[in-house]
Amino acid sequence: MRSIDFFGTIGPACSAVETLVALINAGMTGVRINNSHSRLVDCKKYIEAIRRAMELAGKPQKVLMDLQGSELRICSLTEPFLLKAHEAVQIVSQQASGKKQVPVPKELFEALQKSLVPLLLDDGLIRLEPVSNAGEYLEYRAQNDCVIRPHKSISCDIEVELPIICEADRLDLEFAKETGIIYGVMVPFVQKADDVIYVRDVLKSIGADNFKIYAKIESRVGVENINSIIPHCDYVVIARGDLGMHIPLFDIPKTQKHIANACNAQGREFLVVTQMLHSMLSQPVPTRAEVCDIYNAICDGASALMLTGETAIGKYPVDSMKYLVSTANTALE
């Protein structure tokens, strides 16, 4: 029977040492520290809790740090503001100078000037449709009532050239090396082989070349370049959350199987993540569809599965891990 890794994301719901020990005893083999909105240096309590739980359980864990990366986000705002459905809003570069303006990174603004496309904000909760290019600003129209808040995610179906990791990531990698418990790094929005090569060079430059690289495929471009990405990473991550923001949701199953087949063909291990047991954020048992999803991921060749909110903020973190492990092991029988 092949070995499967089961990752849980640490968060308020499971940060107590006794809960982490229970998760390990339930079959968890790795812990993800999510640095999308925080710094690793600010997660010292999590790191110490993981270290202590490993000691008490007597079982090592593959600890992953999920880098912040250069994900597109709304820039700073003086304060959040409300948009009504069908109301006009201006997209501006870097800094808002008036009301009803959404500041975005310069690279995105320049790309949109060449090709106006719809924007999805705040993990897809907000959809803005393009109206016109006025030069200094781009006019868009809200499709639903919403609140625009700073630093929320932006997704769109055009390629925007950004560095694969930000300066905060570099500092976090230095600190990660000092902790002595980091096994690997999850690299967001990998779009091409050069992205992975660059991260590996950065790791070598700081003496952390022992870290495994988990390349997160989260965009249409990453999917298109999957065959050239695979040889340069240690693991491929089928990150269905952001991927579902860049391709239609009904294409997710086909895309997941496409990536799985590509990994299997090149002998590269892959991890599946996002909403594996989403209903267990609030319910004590999963849906039939969720356990089928887990089973099929293992049958497709996945060597690792990951829980996110289920363990980080859910009501039933340990039960979620038990269902994940039991269902996956059933697929291996």
Protein backbone atom coordinates (compact mmCIF):
# COMPACT_ATOMS: atom_id res chain seq x y z
CA MET A 1 0.00 0.00 0.00
CA ARG A 2 1.50 3.32 -1.05
CA SER A 3 2.13 6.02 1.52
CA ILE A 4 -0.20 9.05 1.65
CA ASP A 5 0.48 12.33 3.44
CA PHE A 6 -2.39 13.99 5.27
CA PHE A 7 -1.92 17.70 5.94
CA GLY A 8 -3.92 19.92 8.26
CA THR A 9 -3.75 23.71 8.29
CA ILE A 10 -3.01 25.18 11.68
CA GLY A 11 -5.30 27.93 12.95
CA PRO A 12 -7.33 28.97 15.99
CA ALA A 13 -9.39 25.76 16.00
CA CYS A 14 -6.39 23.46 16.33
CA SER A 15 -3.53 25.54 17.75
CA ALA A 16 -3.75 23.99 21.22
CA VAL A 17 -1.05 21.37 21.70
CA GLU A 18 -3.55 18.73 22.81
CA THR A 19 -5.62 19.26 19.63
CA LEU A 20 -2.54 18.95 17.46
CA VAL A 21 -1.61 15.73 19.27
CA ALA A 22 -5.13 14.42 18.61
CA LEU A 23 -4.80 15.32 14.94
CA ILE A 24 -1.47 13.50 14.71
CA ASN A 25 -2.95 10.45 16.40
CA ALA A 26 -5.85 10.62 13.92
CA GLY A 27 -3.36 10.19 11.08
CA MET A 28 -2.13 13.68 10.25
CA THR A 29 1.41 13.56 8.84
CA GLY A 30 1.99 17.22 8.03
CA VAL A 31 1.03 20.76 9.06
CA ARG A 32 0.52 23.76 6.80
CA ILE A 33 1.25 27.25 8.12
CA ASN A 34 -0.66 29.69 5.94
CA ASN A 35 1.27 32.92 5.39
CA SER A 36 -1.05 34.40 2.78
CA HIS A 37 -2.01 37.21 5.15
CA SER A 38 0.68 37.01 7.82
CA ARG A 39 4.39 36.61 8.39
CA LEU A 40 6.00 33.37 9.52
CA VAL A 41 7.90 35.32 12.17
CA ASP A 42 4.51 36.19 13.68
CA CYS A 43 3.58 32.50 13.90
CA LYS A 44 6.05 31.57 16.64
CA LYS A 45 3.26 30.28 18.90
CA TYR A 46 2.10 27.95 16.13
CA ILE A 47 5.64 26.75 15.50
CA GLU A 48 6.24 26.00 19.17
CA ALA A 49 2.87 24.24 19.47
CA ILE A 50 3.73 22.03 16.47
CA ARG A 51 7.15 21.27 17.92
CA ARG A 52 5.68 20.32 21.30
CA ALA A 53 2.92 18.20 19.73
CA MET A 54 5.47 16.24 17.72
CA GLU A 55 7.41 15.54 20.90
CA LEU A 56 4.32 14.39 22.82
CA ALA A 57 2.94 12.27 19.97
CA GLY A 58 6.35 10.85 19.14
CA LYS A 59 5.71 11.32 15.42
CA PRO A 60 7.46 13.80 13.11
CA GLN A 61 5.39 16.08 10.86
CA LYS A 62 6.13 17.53 7.45
CA VAL A 63 5.69 21.23 8.23
CA LEU A 64 4.95 23.41 5.19
CA MET A 65 4.98 27.18 4.99
CA ASP A 66 2.60 28.55 2.37
CA LEU A 67 4.26 31.66 0.99
CA GLN A 68 2.45 34.95 0.51
CA GLY A 69 3.73 35.25 -3.03
CA SER A 70 2.88 38.13 -5.30
CA GLU A 71 -0.83 37.47 -5.47
CA LEU A 72 -2.84 40.32 -6.95
CA ARG A 73 -4.60 42.30 -4.23
CA ILE A 74 -6.47 45.58 -3.83
CA CYS A 75 -4.02 48.25 -2.67
CA SER A 76 -4.48 50.39 0.44
CA LEU A 77 -7.71 52.29 0.98
CA THR A 78 -8.53 55.07 3.44
CA GLU A 79 -11.59 53.04 4.40
CA PRO A 80 -13.82 50.33 2.90
CA PHE A 81 -16.76 51.51 0.80
CA LEU A 82 -20.09 50.13 -0.37
CA LEU A 83 -20.97 49.48 -3.99
CA LYS A 84 -24.51 48.82 -5.13
CA ALA A 85 -25.29 46.41 -7.94
CA HIS A 86 -24.82 48.10 -11.37
CA GLU A 87 -23.04 51.07 -9.79
CA ALA A 88 -19.97 52.42 -11.61
CA VAL A 89 -16.51 52.27 -10.01
CA GLN A 90 -13.08 53.38 -11.20
CA ILE A 91 -10.05 51.09 -11.30
CA VAL A 92 -6.87 53.11 -10.73
CA SER A 93 -3.17 52.37 -10.47
CA GLN A 94 -1.71 51.85 -6.99
CA GLN A 95 -3.38 54.71 -5.10
CA ALA A 96 -6.95 56.00 -4.87
CA SER A 97 -7.38 59.78 -5.12
CA GLY A 98 -11.14 59.91 -4.79
CA LYS A 99 -14.25 58.06 -3.73
CA LYS A 100 -15.46 54.91 -5.47
CA GLN A 101 -11.96 54.07 -6.70
CA VAL A 102 -10.33 50.65 -6.46
CA PRO A 103 -6.52 50.90 -6.49
CA VAL A 104 -4.74 47.91 -8.01
CA PRO A 105 -1.06 47.04 -8.60
CA LYS A 106 0.54 48.95 -11.46
CA GLU A 107 1.29 45.74 -13.35
CA LEU A 108 -2.37 44.76 -13.35
CA PHE A 109 -3.54 48.26 -14.33
CA GLU A 110 -1.19 48.28 -17.33
CA ALA A 111 -2.34 44.82 -18.40
CA LEU A 112 -6.00 45.88 -18.15
CA GLN A 113 -5.33 48.97 -20.27
CA LYS A 114 -4.35 46.58 -23.07
CA SER A 115 -7.17 44.13 -22.47
CA LEU A 116 -10.24 45.00 -20.41
CA VAL A 117 -11.55 41.84 -18.76
CA PRO A 118 -13.92 41.15 -15.84
CA LEU A 119 -12.43 41.27 -12.34
CA LEU A 120 -13.27 38.97 -9.44
CA LEU A 121 -12.47 40.43 -6.01
CA ASP A 122 -12.43 39.00 -2.48
CA ASP A 123 -12.20 35.32 -3.48
CA GLY A 124 -14.88 35.75 -6.12
CA LEU A 125 -17.51 37.35 -3.90
CA ILE A 126 -17.40 40.54 -5.99
CA ARG A 127 -17.62 40.69 -9.78
CA LEU A 128 -16.80 43.86 -11.70
CA GLU A 129 -17.58 44.10 -15.42
CA PRO A 130 -15.53 46.40 -17.70
CA VAL A 131 -17.20 49.44 -19.29
CA SER A 132 -14.48 51.65 -20.80
CA ASN A 133 -10.85 52.73 -20.71
CA ALA A 134 -10.61 56.42 -19.76
CA GLY A 135 -6.81 56.49 -19.68
CA GLU A 136 -6.13 57.58 -16.11
CA TYR A 137 -8.75 55.17 -14.87
CA LEU A 138 -10.76 52.19 -16.08
CA GLU A 139 -14.50 52.29 -15.63
CA TYR A 140 -16.12 49.13 -14.30
CA ARG A 141 -19.59 48.28 -13.04
CA ALA A 142 -20.43 46.17 -9.99
CA GLN A 143 -22.59 43.13 -10.68
CA ASN A 144 -23.76 42.74 -7.08
CA ASP A 145 -24.05 44.67 -3.83
CA CYS A 146 -20.65 44.52 -2.15
CA VAL A 147 -18.12 46.19 0.11
CA ILE A 148 -14.69 47.01 -1.31
CA ARG A 149 -11.99 46.38 1.28
CA PRO A 150 -8.20 46.82 1.04
CA HIS A 151 -5.83 43.90 0.46
CA LYS A 152 -8.54 41.53 -0.80
CA SER A 153 -7.66 39.19 -3.66
CA ILE A 154 -8.08 40.05 -7.33
CA SER A 155 -8.52 37.45 -10.07
CA CYS A 156 -8.80 37.93 -13.83
CA ASP A 157 -8.23 35.95 -16.98
CA ILE A 158 -5.10 37.70 -18.21
CA GLU A 159 -1.44 37.04 -17.48
CA VAL A 160 0.19 39.65 -15.25
CA GLU A 161 3.95 39.59 -14.83
CA LEU A 162 4.78 39.67 -11.10
CA PRO A 163 7.77 38.32 -9.16
CA ILE A 164 6.93 34.82 -7.92
CA ILE A 165 7.84 35.69 -4.32
CA CYS A 166 7.80 39.02 -2.50
CA GLU A 167 10.35 40.55 -0.13
CA ALA A 168 8.34 39.40 2.91
CA ASP A 169 8.66 35.83 1.60
CA ARG A 170 12.45 36.14 1.44
CA LEU A 171 12.57 37.23 5.07
CA ASP A 172 10.20 34.43 6.06
CA LEU A 173 12.39 31.87 4.30
CA GLU A 174 15.38 33.06 6.33
CA PHE A 175 13.36 32.65 9.51
CA ALA A 176 12.03 29.26 8.35
CA LYS A 177 15.57 27.95 8.11
CA GLU A 178 16.22 29.05 11.70
CA THR A 179 13.17 27.19 13.07
CA GLY A 180 14.63 23.83 12.12
CA ILE A 181 11.22 22.21 11.55
CA ILE A 182 10.21 23.41 8.07
CA TYR A 183 10.04 20.59 5.53
CA GLY A 184 8.88 22.48 2.46
CA VAL A 185 7.49 25.65 0.94
CA MET A 186 4.24 26.01 -0.97
CA VAL A 187 4.76 28.48 -3.81
CA PRO A 188 1.57 30.27 -4.93
CA PHE A 189 0.55 30.88 -8.53
CA VAL A 190 3.34 29.03 -10.29
CA GLN A 191 2.85 29.75 -13.99
CA LYS A 192 6.03 28.54 -15.62
CA ALA A 193 9.16 26.49 -15.00
CA ASP A 194 11.27 29.62 -14.44
CA ASP A 195 9.15 30.43 -11.38
CA VAL A 196 10.22 27.22 -9.67
CA ILE A 197 13.82 27.57 -10.83
CA TYR A 198 13.94 31.06 -9.31
CA VAL A 199 12.59 29.88 -5.95
CA ARG A 200 15.09 27.03 -5.87
CA ASP A 201 17.90 29.50 -6.53
CA VAL A 202 16.65 31.68 -3.66
CA LEU A 203 16.60 28.66 -1.34
CA LYS A 204 20.15 27.76 -2.32
CA SER A 205 21.33 31.33 -1.74
CA ILE A 206 20.15 31.24 1.90
CA GLY A 207 21.32 27.69 2.59
CA ALA A 208 17.81 26.22 2.62
CA ASP A 209 18.09 24.04 -0.48
CA ASN A 210 16.88 21.06 1.58
CA PHE A 211 13.36 22.56 1.57
CA LYS A 212 10.98 20.73 -0.74
CA ILE A 213 9.13 22.89 -3.28
CA TYR A 214 5.38 22.43 -3.58
CA ALA A 215 4.32 24.23 -6.77
CA LYS A 216 0.72 25.46 -6.52
CA ILE A 217 -1.14 25.39 -9.82
CA GLU A 218 -3.78 28.11 -9.48
CA SER A 219 -4.19 29.68 -12.91
CA ARG A 220 -4.99 28.80 -16.50
CA VAL A 221 -1.39 29.61 -17.49
CA GLY A 222 -0.05 27.24 -14.83
CA VAL A 223 -2.27 24.46 -16.17
CA GLU A 224 -1.15 25.13 -19.74
CA ASN A 225 2.53 24.91 -18.69
CA ILE A 226 2.17 21.97 -16.30
CA ASN A 227 4.38 19.59 -18.29
CA SER A 228 7.34 21.99 -18.18
CA ILE A 229 6.77 22.86 -14.50
CA ILE A 230 6.71 19.28 -13.22
CA PRO A 231 10.42 18.43 -13.65
CA HIS A 232 11.54 21.39 -11.54
CA CYS A 233 9.39 20.99 -8.42
CA ASP A 234 9.24 18.27 -5.79
CA TYR A 235 5.45 18.20 -5.55
CA VAL A 236 2.62 19.65 -7.61
CA VAL A 237 -0.31 21.14 -5.70
CA ILE A 238 -3.71 21.09 -7.39
CA ALA A 239 -4.99 24.19 -5.58
CA ARG A 240 -8.65 24.18 -6.51
CA GLY A 241 -9.58 27.34 -4.60
CA ASP A 242 -7.84 29.99 -6.68
CA LEU A 243 -7.90 27.71 -9.72
CA GLY A 244 -11.68 27.93 -9.56
CA MET A 245 -11.37 31.70 -9.85
CA HIS A 246 -9.48 31.46 -13.14
CA ILE A 247 -11.39 28.72 -14.93
CA PRO A 248 -15.10 27.84 -14.86
CA LEU A 249 -16.05 25.69 -11.88
CA PHE A 250 -17.44 22.99 -14.16
CA ASP A 251 -13.94 22.64 -15.66
CA ILE A 252 -12.31 21.91 -12.28
CA PRO A 253 -12.80 18.08 -12.36
CA LYS A 254 -11.41 17.81 -15.90
CA THR A 255 -8.49 20.08 -15.05
CA GLN A 256 -7.70 18.15 -11.86
CA LYS A 257 -7.54 14.91 -13.81
CA HIS A 258 -5.42 16.54 -16.52
CA ILE A 259 -2.85 17.68 -13.95
CA ALA A 260 -2.97 14.29 -12.19
CA ASN A 261 -2.35 12.47 -15.47
CA ALA A 262 0.57 14.77 -16.30
CA CYS A 263 2.13 14.14 -12.87
CA ASN A 264 1.63 10.39 -13.13
CA ALA A 265 3.20 10.36 -16.59
CA GLN A 266 6.34 12.07 -15.28
CA GLY A 267 6.45 10.24 -11.94
CA ARG A 268 5.87 13.41 -9.89
CA GLU A 269 3.88 13.32 -6.66
CA PHE A 270 0.91 15.64 -6.30
CA LEU A 271 -1.29 17.03 -3.56
CA VAL A 272 -5.00 17.92 -3.79
CA VAL A 273 -6.41 20.73 -1.66
CA THR A 274 -9.47 22.94 -1.12
CA GLN A 275 -12.92 22.04 0.21
CA MET A 276 -12.10 18.36 0.68
CA LEU A 277 -14.48 18.34 3.67
CA HIS A 278 -15.89 21.85 3.53
CA SER A 279 -19.21 20.94 5.13
CA MET A 280 -17.32 19.89 8.27
CA LEU A 281 -16.55 23.52 9.00
CA SER A 282 -19.89 23.39 10.78
CA GLN A 283 -21.19 19.82 10.54
CA PRO A 284 -19.89 16.70 12.37
CA VAL A 285 -20.08 14.45 9.29
CA PRO A 286 -19.17 15.09 5.63
CA THR A 287 -21.39 14.90 2.58
CA ARG A 288 -21.42 11.86 0.32
CA ALA A 289 -19.95 13.99 -2.46
CA GLU A 290 -16.99 15.01 -0.28
CA VAL A 291 -15.97 11.46 0.62
CA CYS A 292 -16.30 10.51 -3.05
CA ASP A 293 -14.00 13.43 -3.91
CA ILE A 294 -11.36 12.18 -1.47
CA TYR A 295 -11.65 8.60 -2.72
CA ASN A 296 -11.33 9.65 -6.37
CA ALA A 297 -8.30 11.86 -5.69
CA ILE A 298 -6.46 8.87 -4.23
CA CYS A 299 -7.58 6.62 -7.09
CA ASP A 300 -6.20 9.25 -9.51
CA GLY A 301 -2.78 8.90 -7.87
CA ALA A 302 -2.62 11.70 -5.29
CA SER A 303 0.16 11.16 -2.76
CA ALA A 304 -1.10 13.86 -0.40
CA LEU A 305 -4.36 15.53 0.64
CA MET A 306 -4.76 18.73 2.62
CA LEU A 307 -7.42 20.24 4.85
CA THR A 308 -7.56 24.02 5.16
CA GLY A 309 -10.43 25.71 6.99
CA GLU A 310 -11.67 22.35 8.27
CA THR A 311 -8.80 22.18 10.75
CA ALA A 312 -7.89 25.87 10.97
CA ILE A 313 -11.27 27.33 11.89
CA GLY A 314 -13.78 24.47 11.74
CA LYS A 315 -15.83 23.11 14.62
CA TYR A 316 -14.60 19.54 14.11
CA PRO A 317 -10.89 19.56 13.23
CA VAL A 318 -10.04 16.12 14.62
CA ASP A 319 -13.15 14.43 13.19
CA SER A 320 -12.35 16.02 9.82
CA MET A 321 -8.89 14.47 9.85
CA LYS A 322 -10.32 11.09 10.82
CA TYR A 323 -12.72 11.15 7.86
CA LEU A 324 -9.96 12.28 5.49
CA VAL A 325 -7.60 9.51 6.56
CA SER A 326 -10.23 6.75 6.72
CA THR A 327 -11.69 7.57 3.31
CA ALA A 328 -8.28 7.76 1.65
CA ASN A 329 -7.16 4.48 3.19
CA THR A 330 -10.35 2.83 1.92
CA ALA A 331 -9.29 3.84 -1.60
CA LEU A 332 -5.98 2.03 -1.08
CA GLU A 333 -7.48 -1.28 -0.02
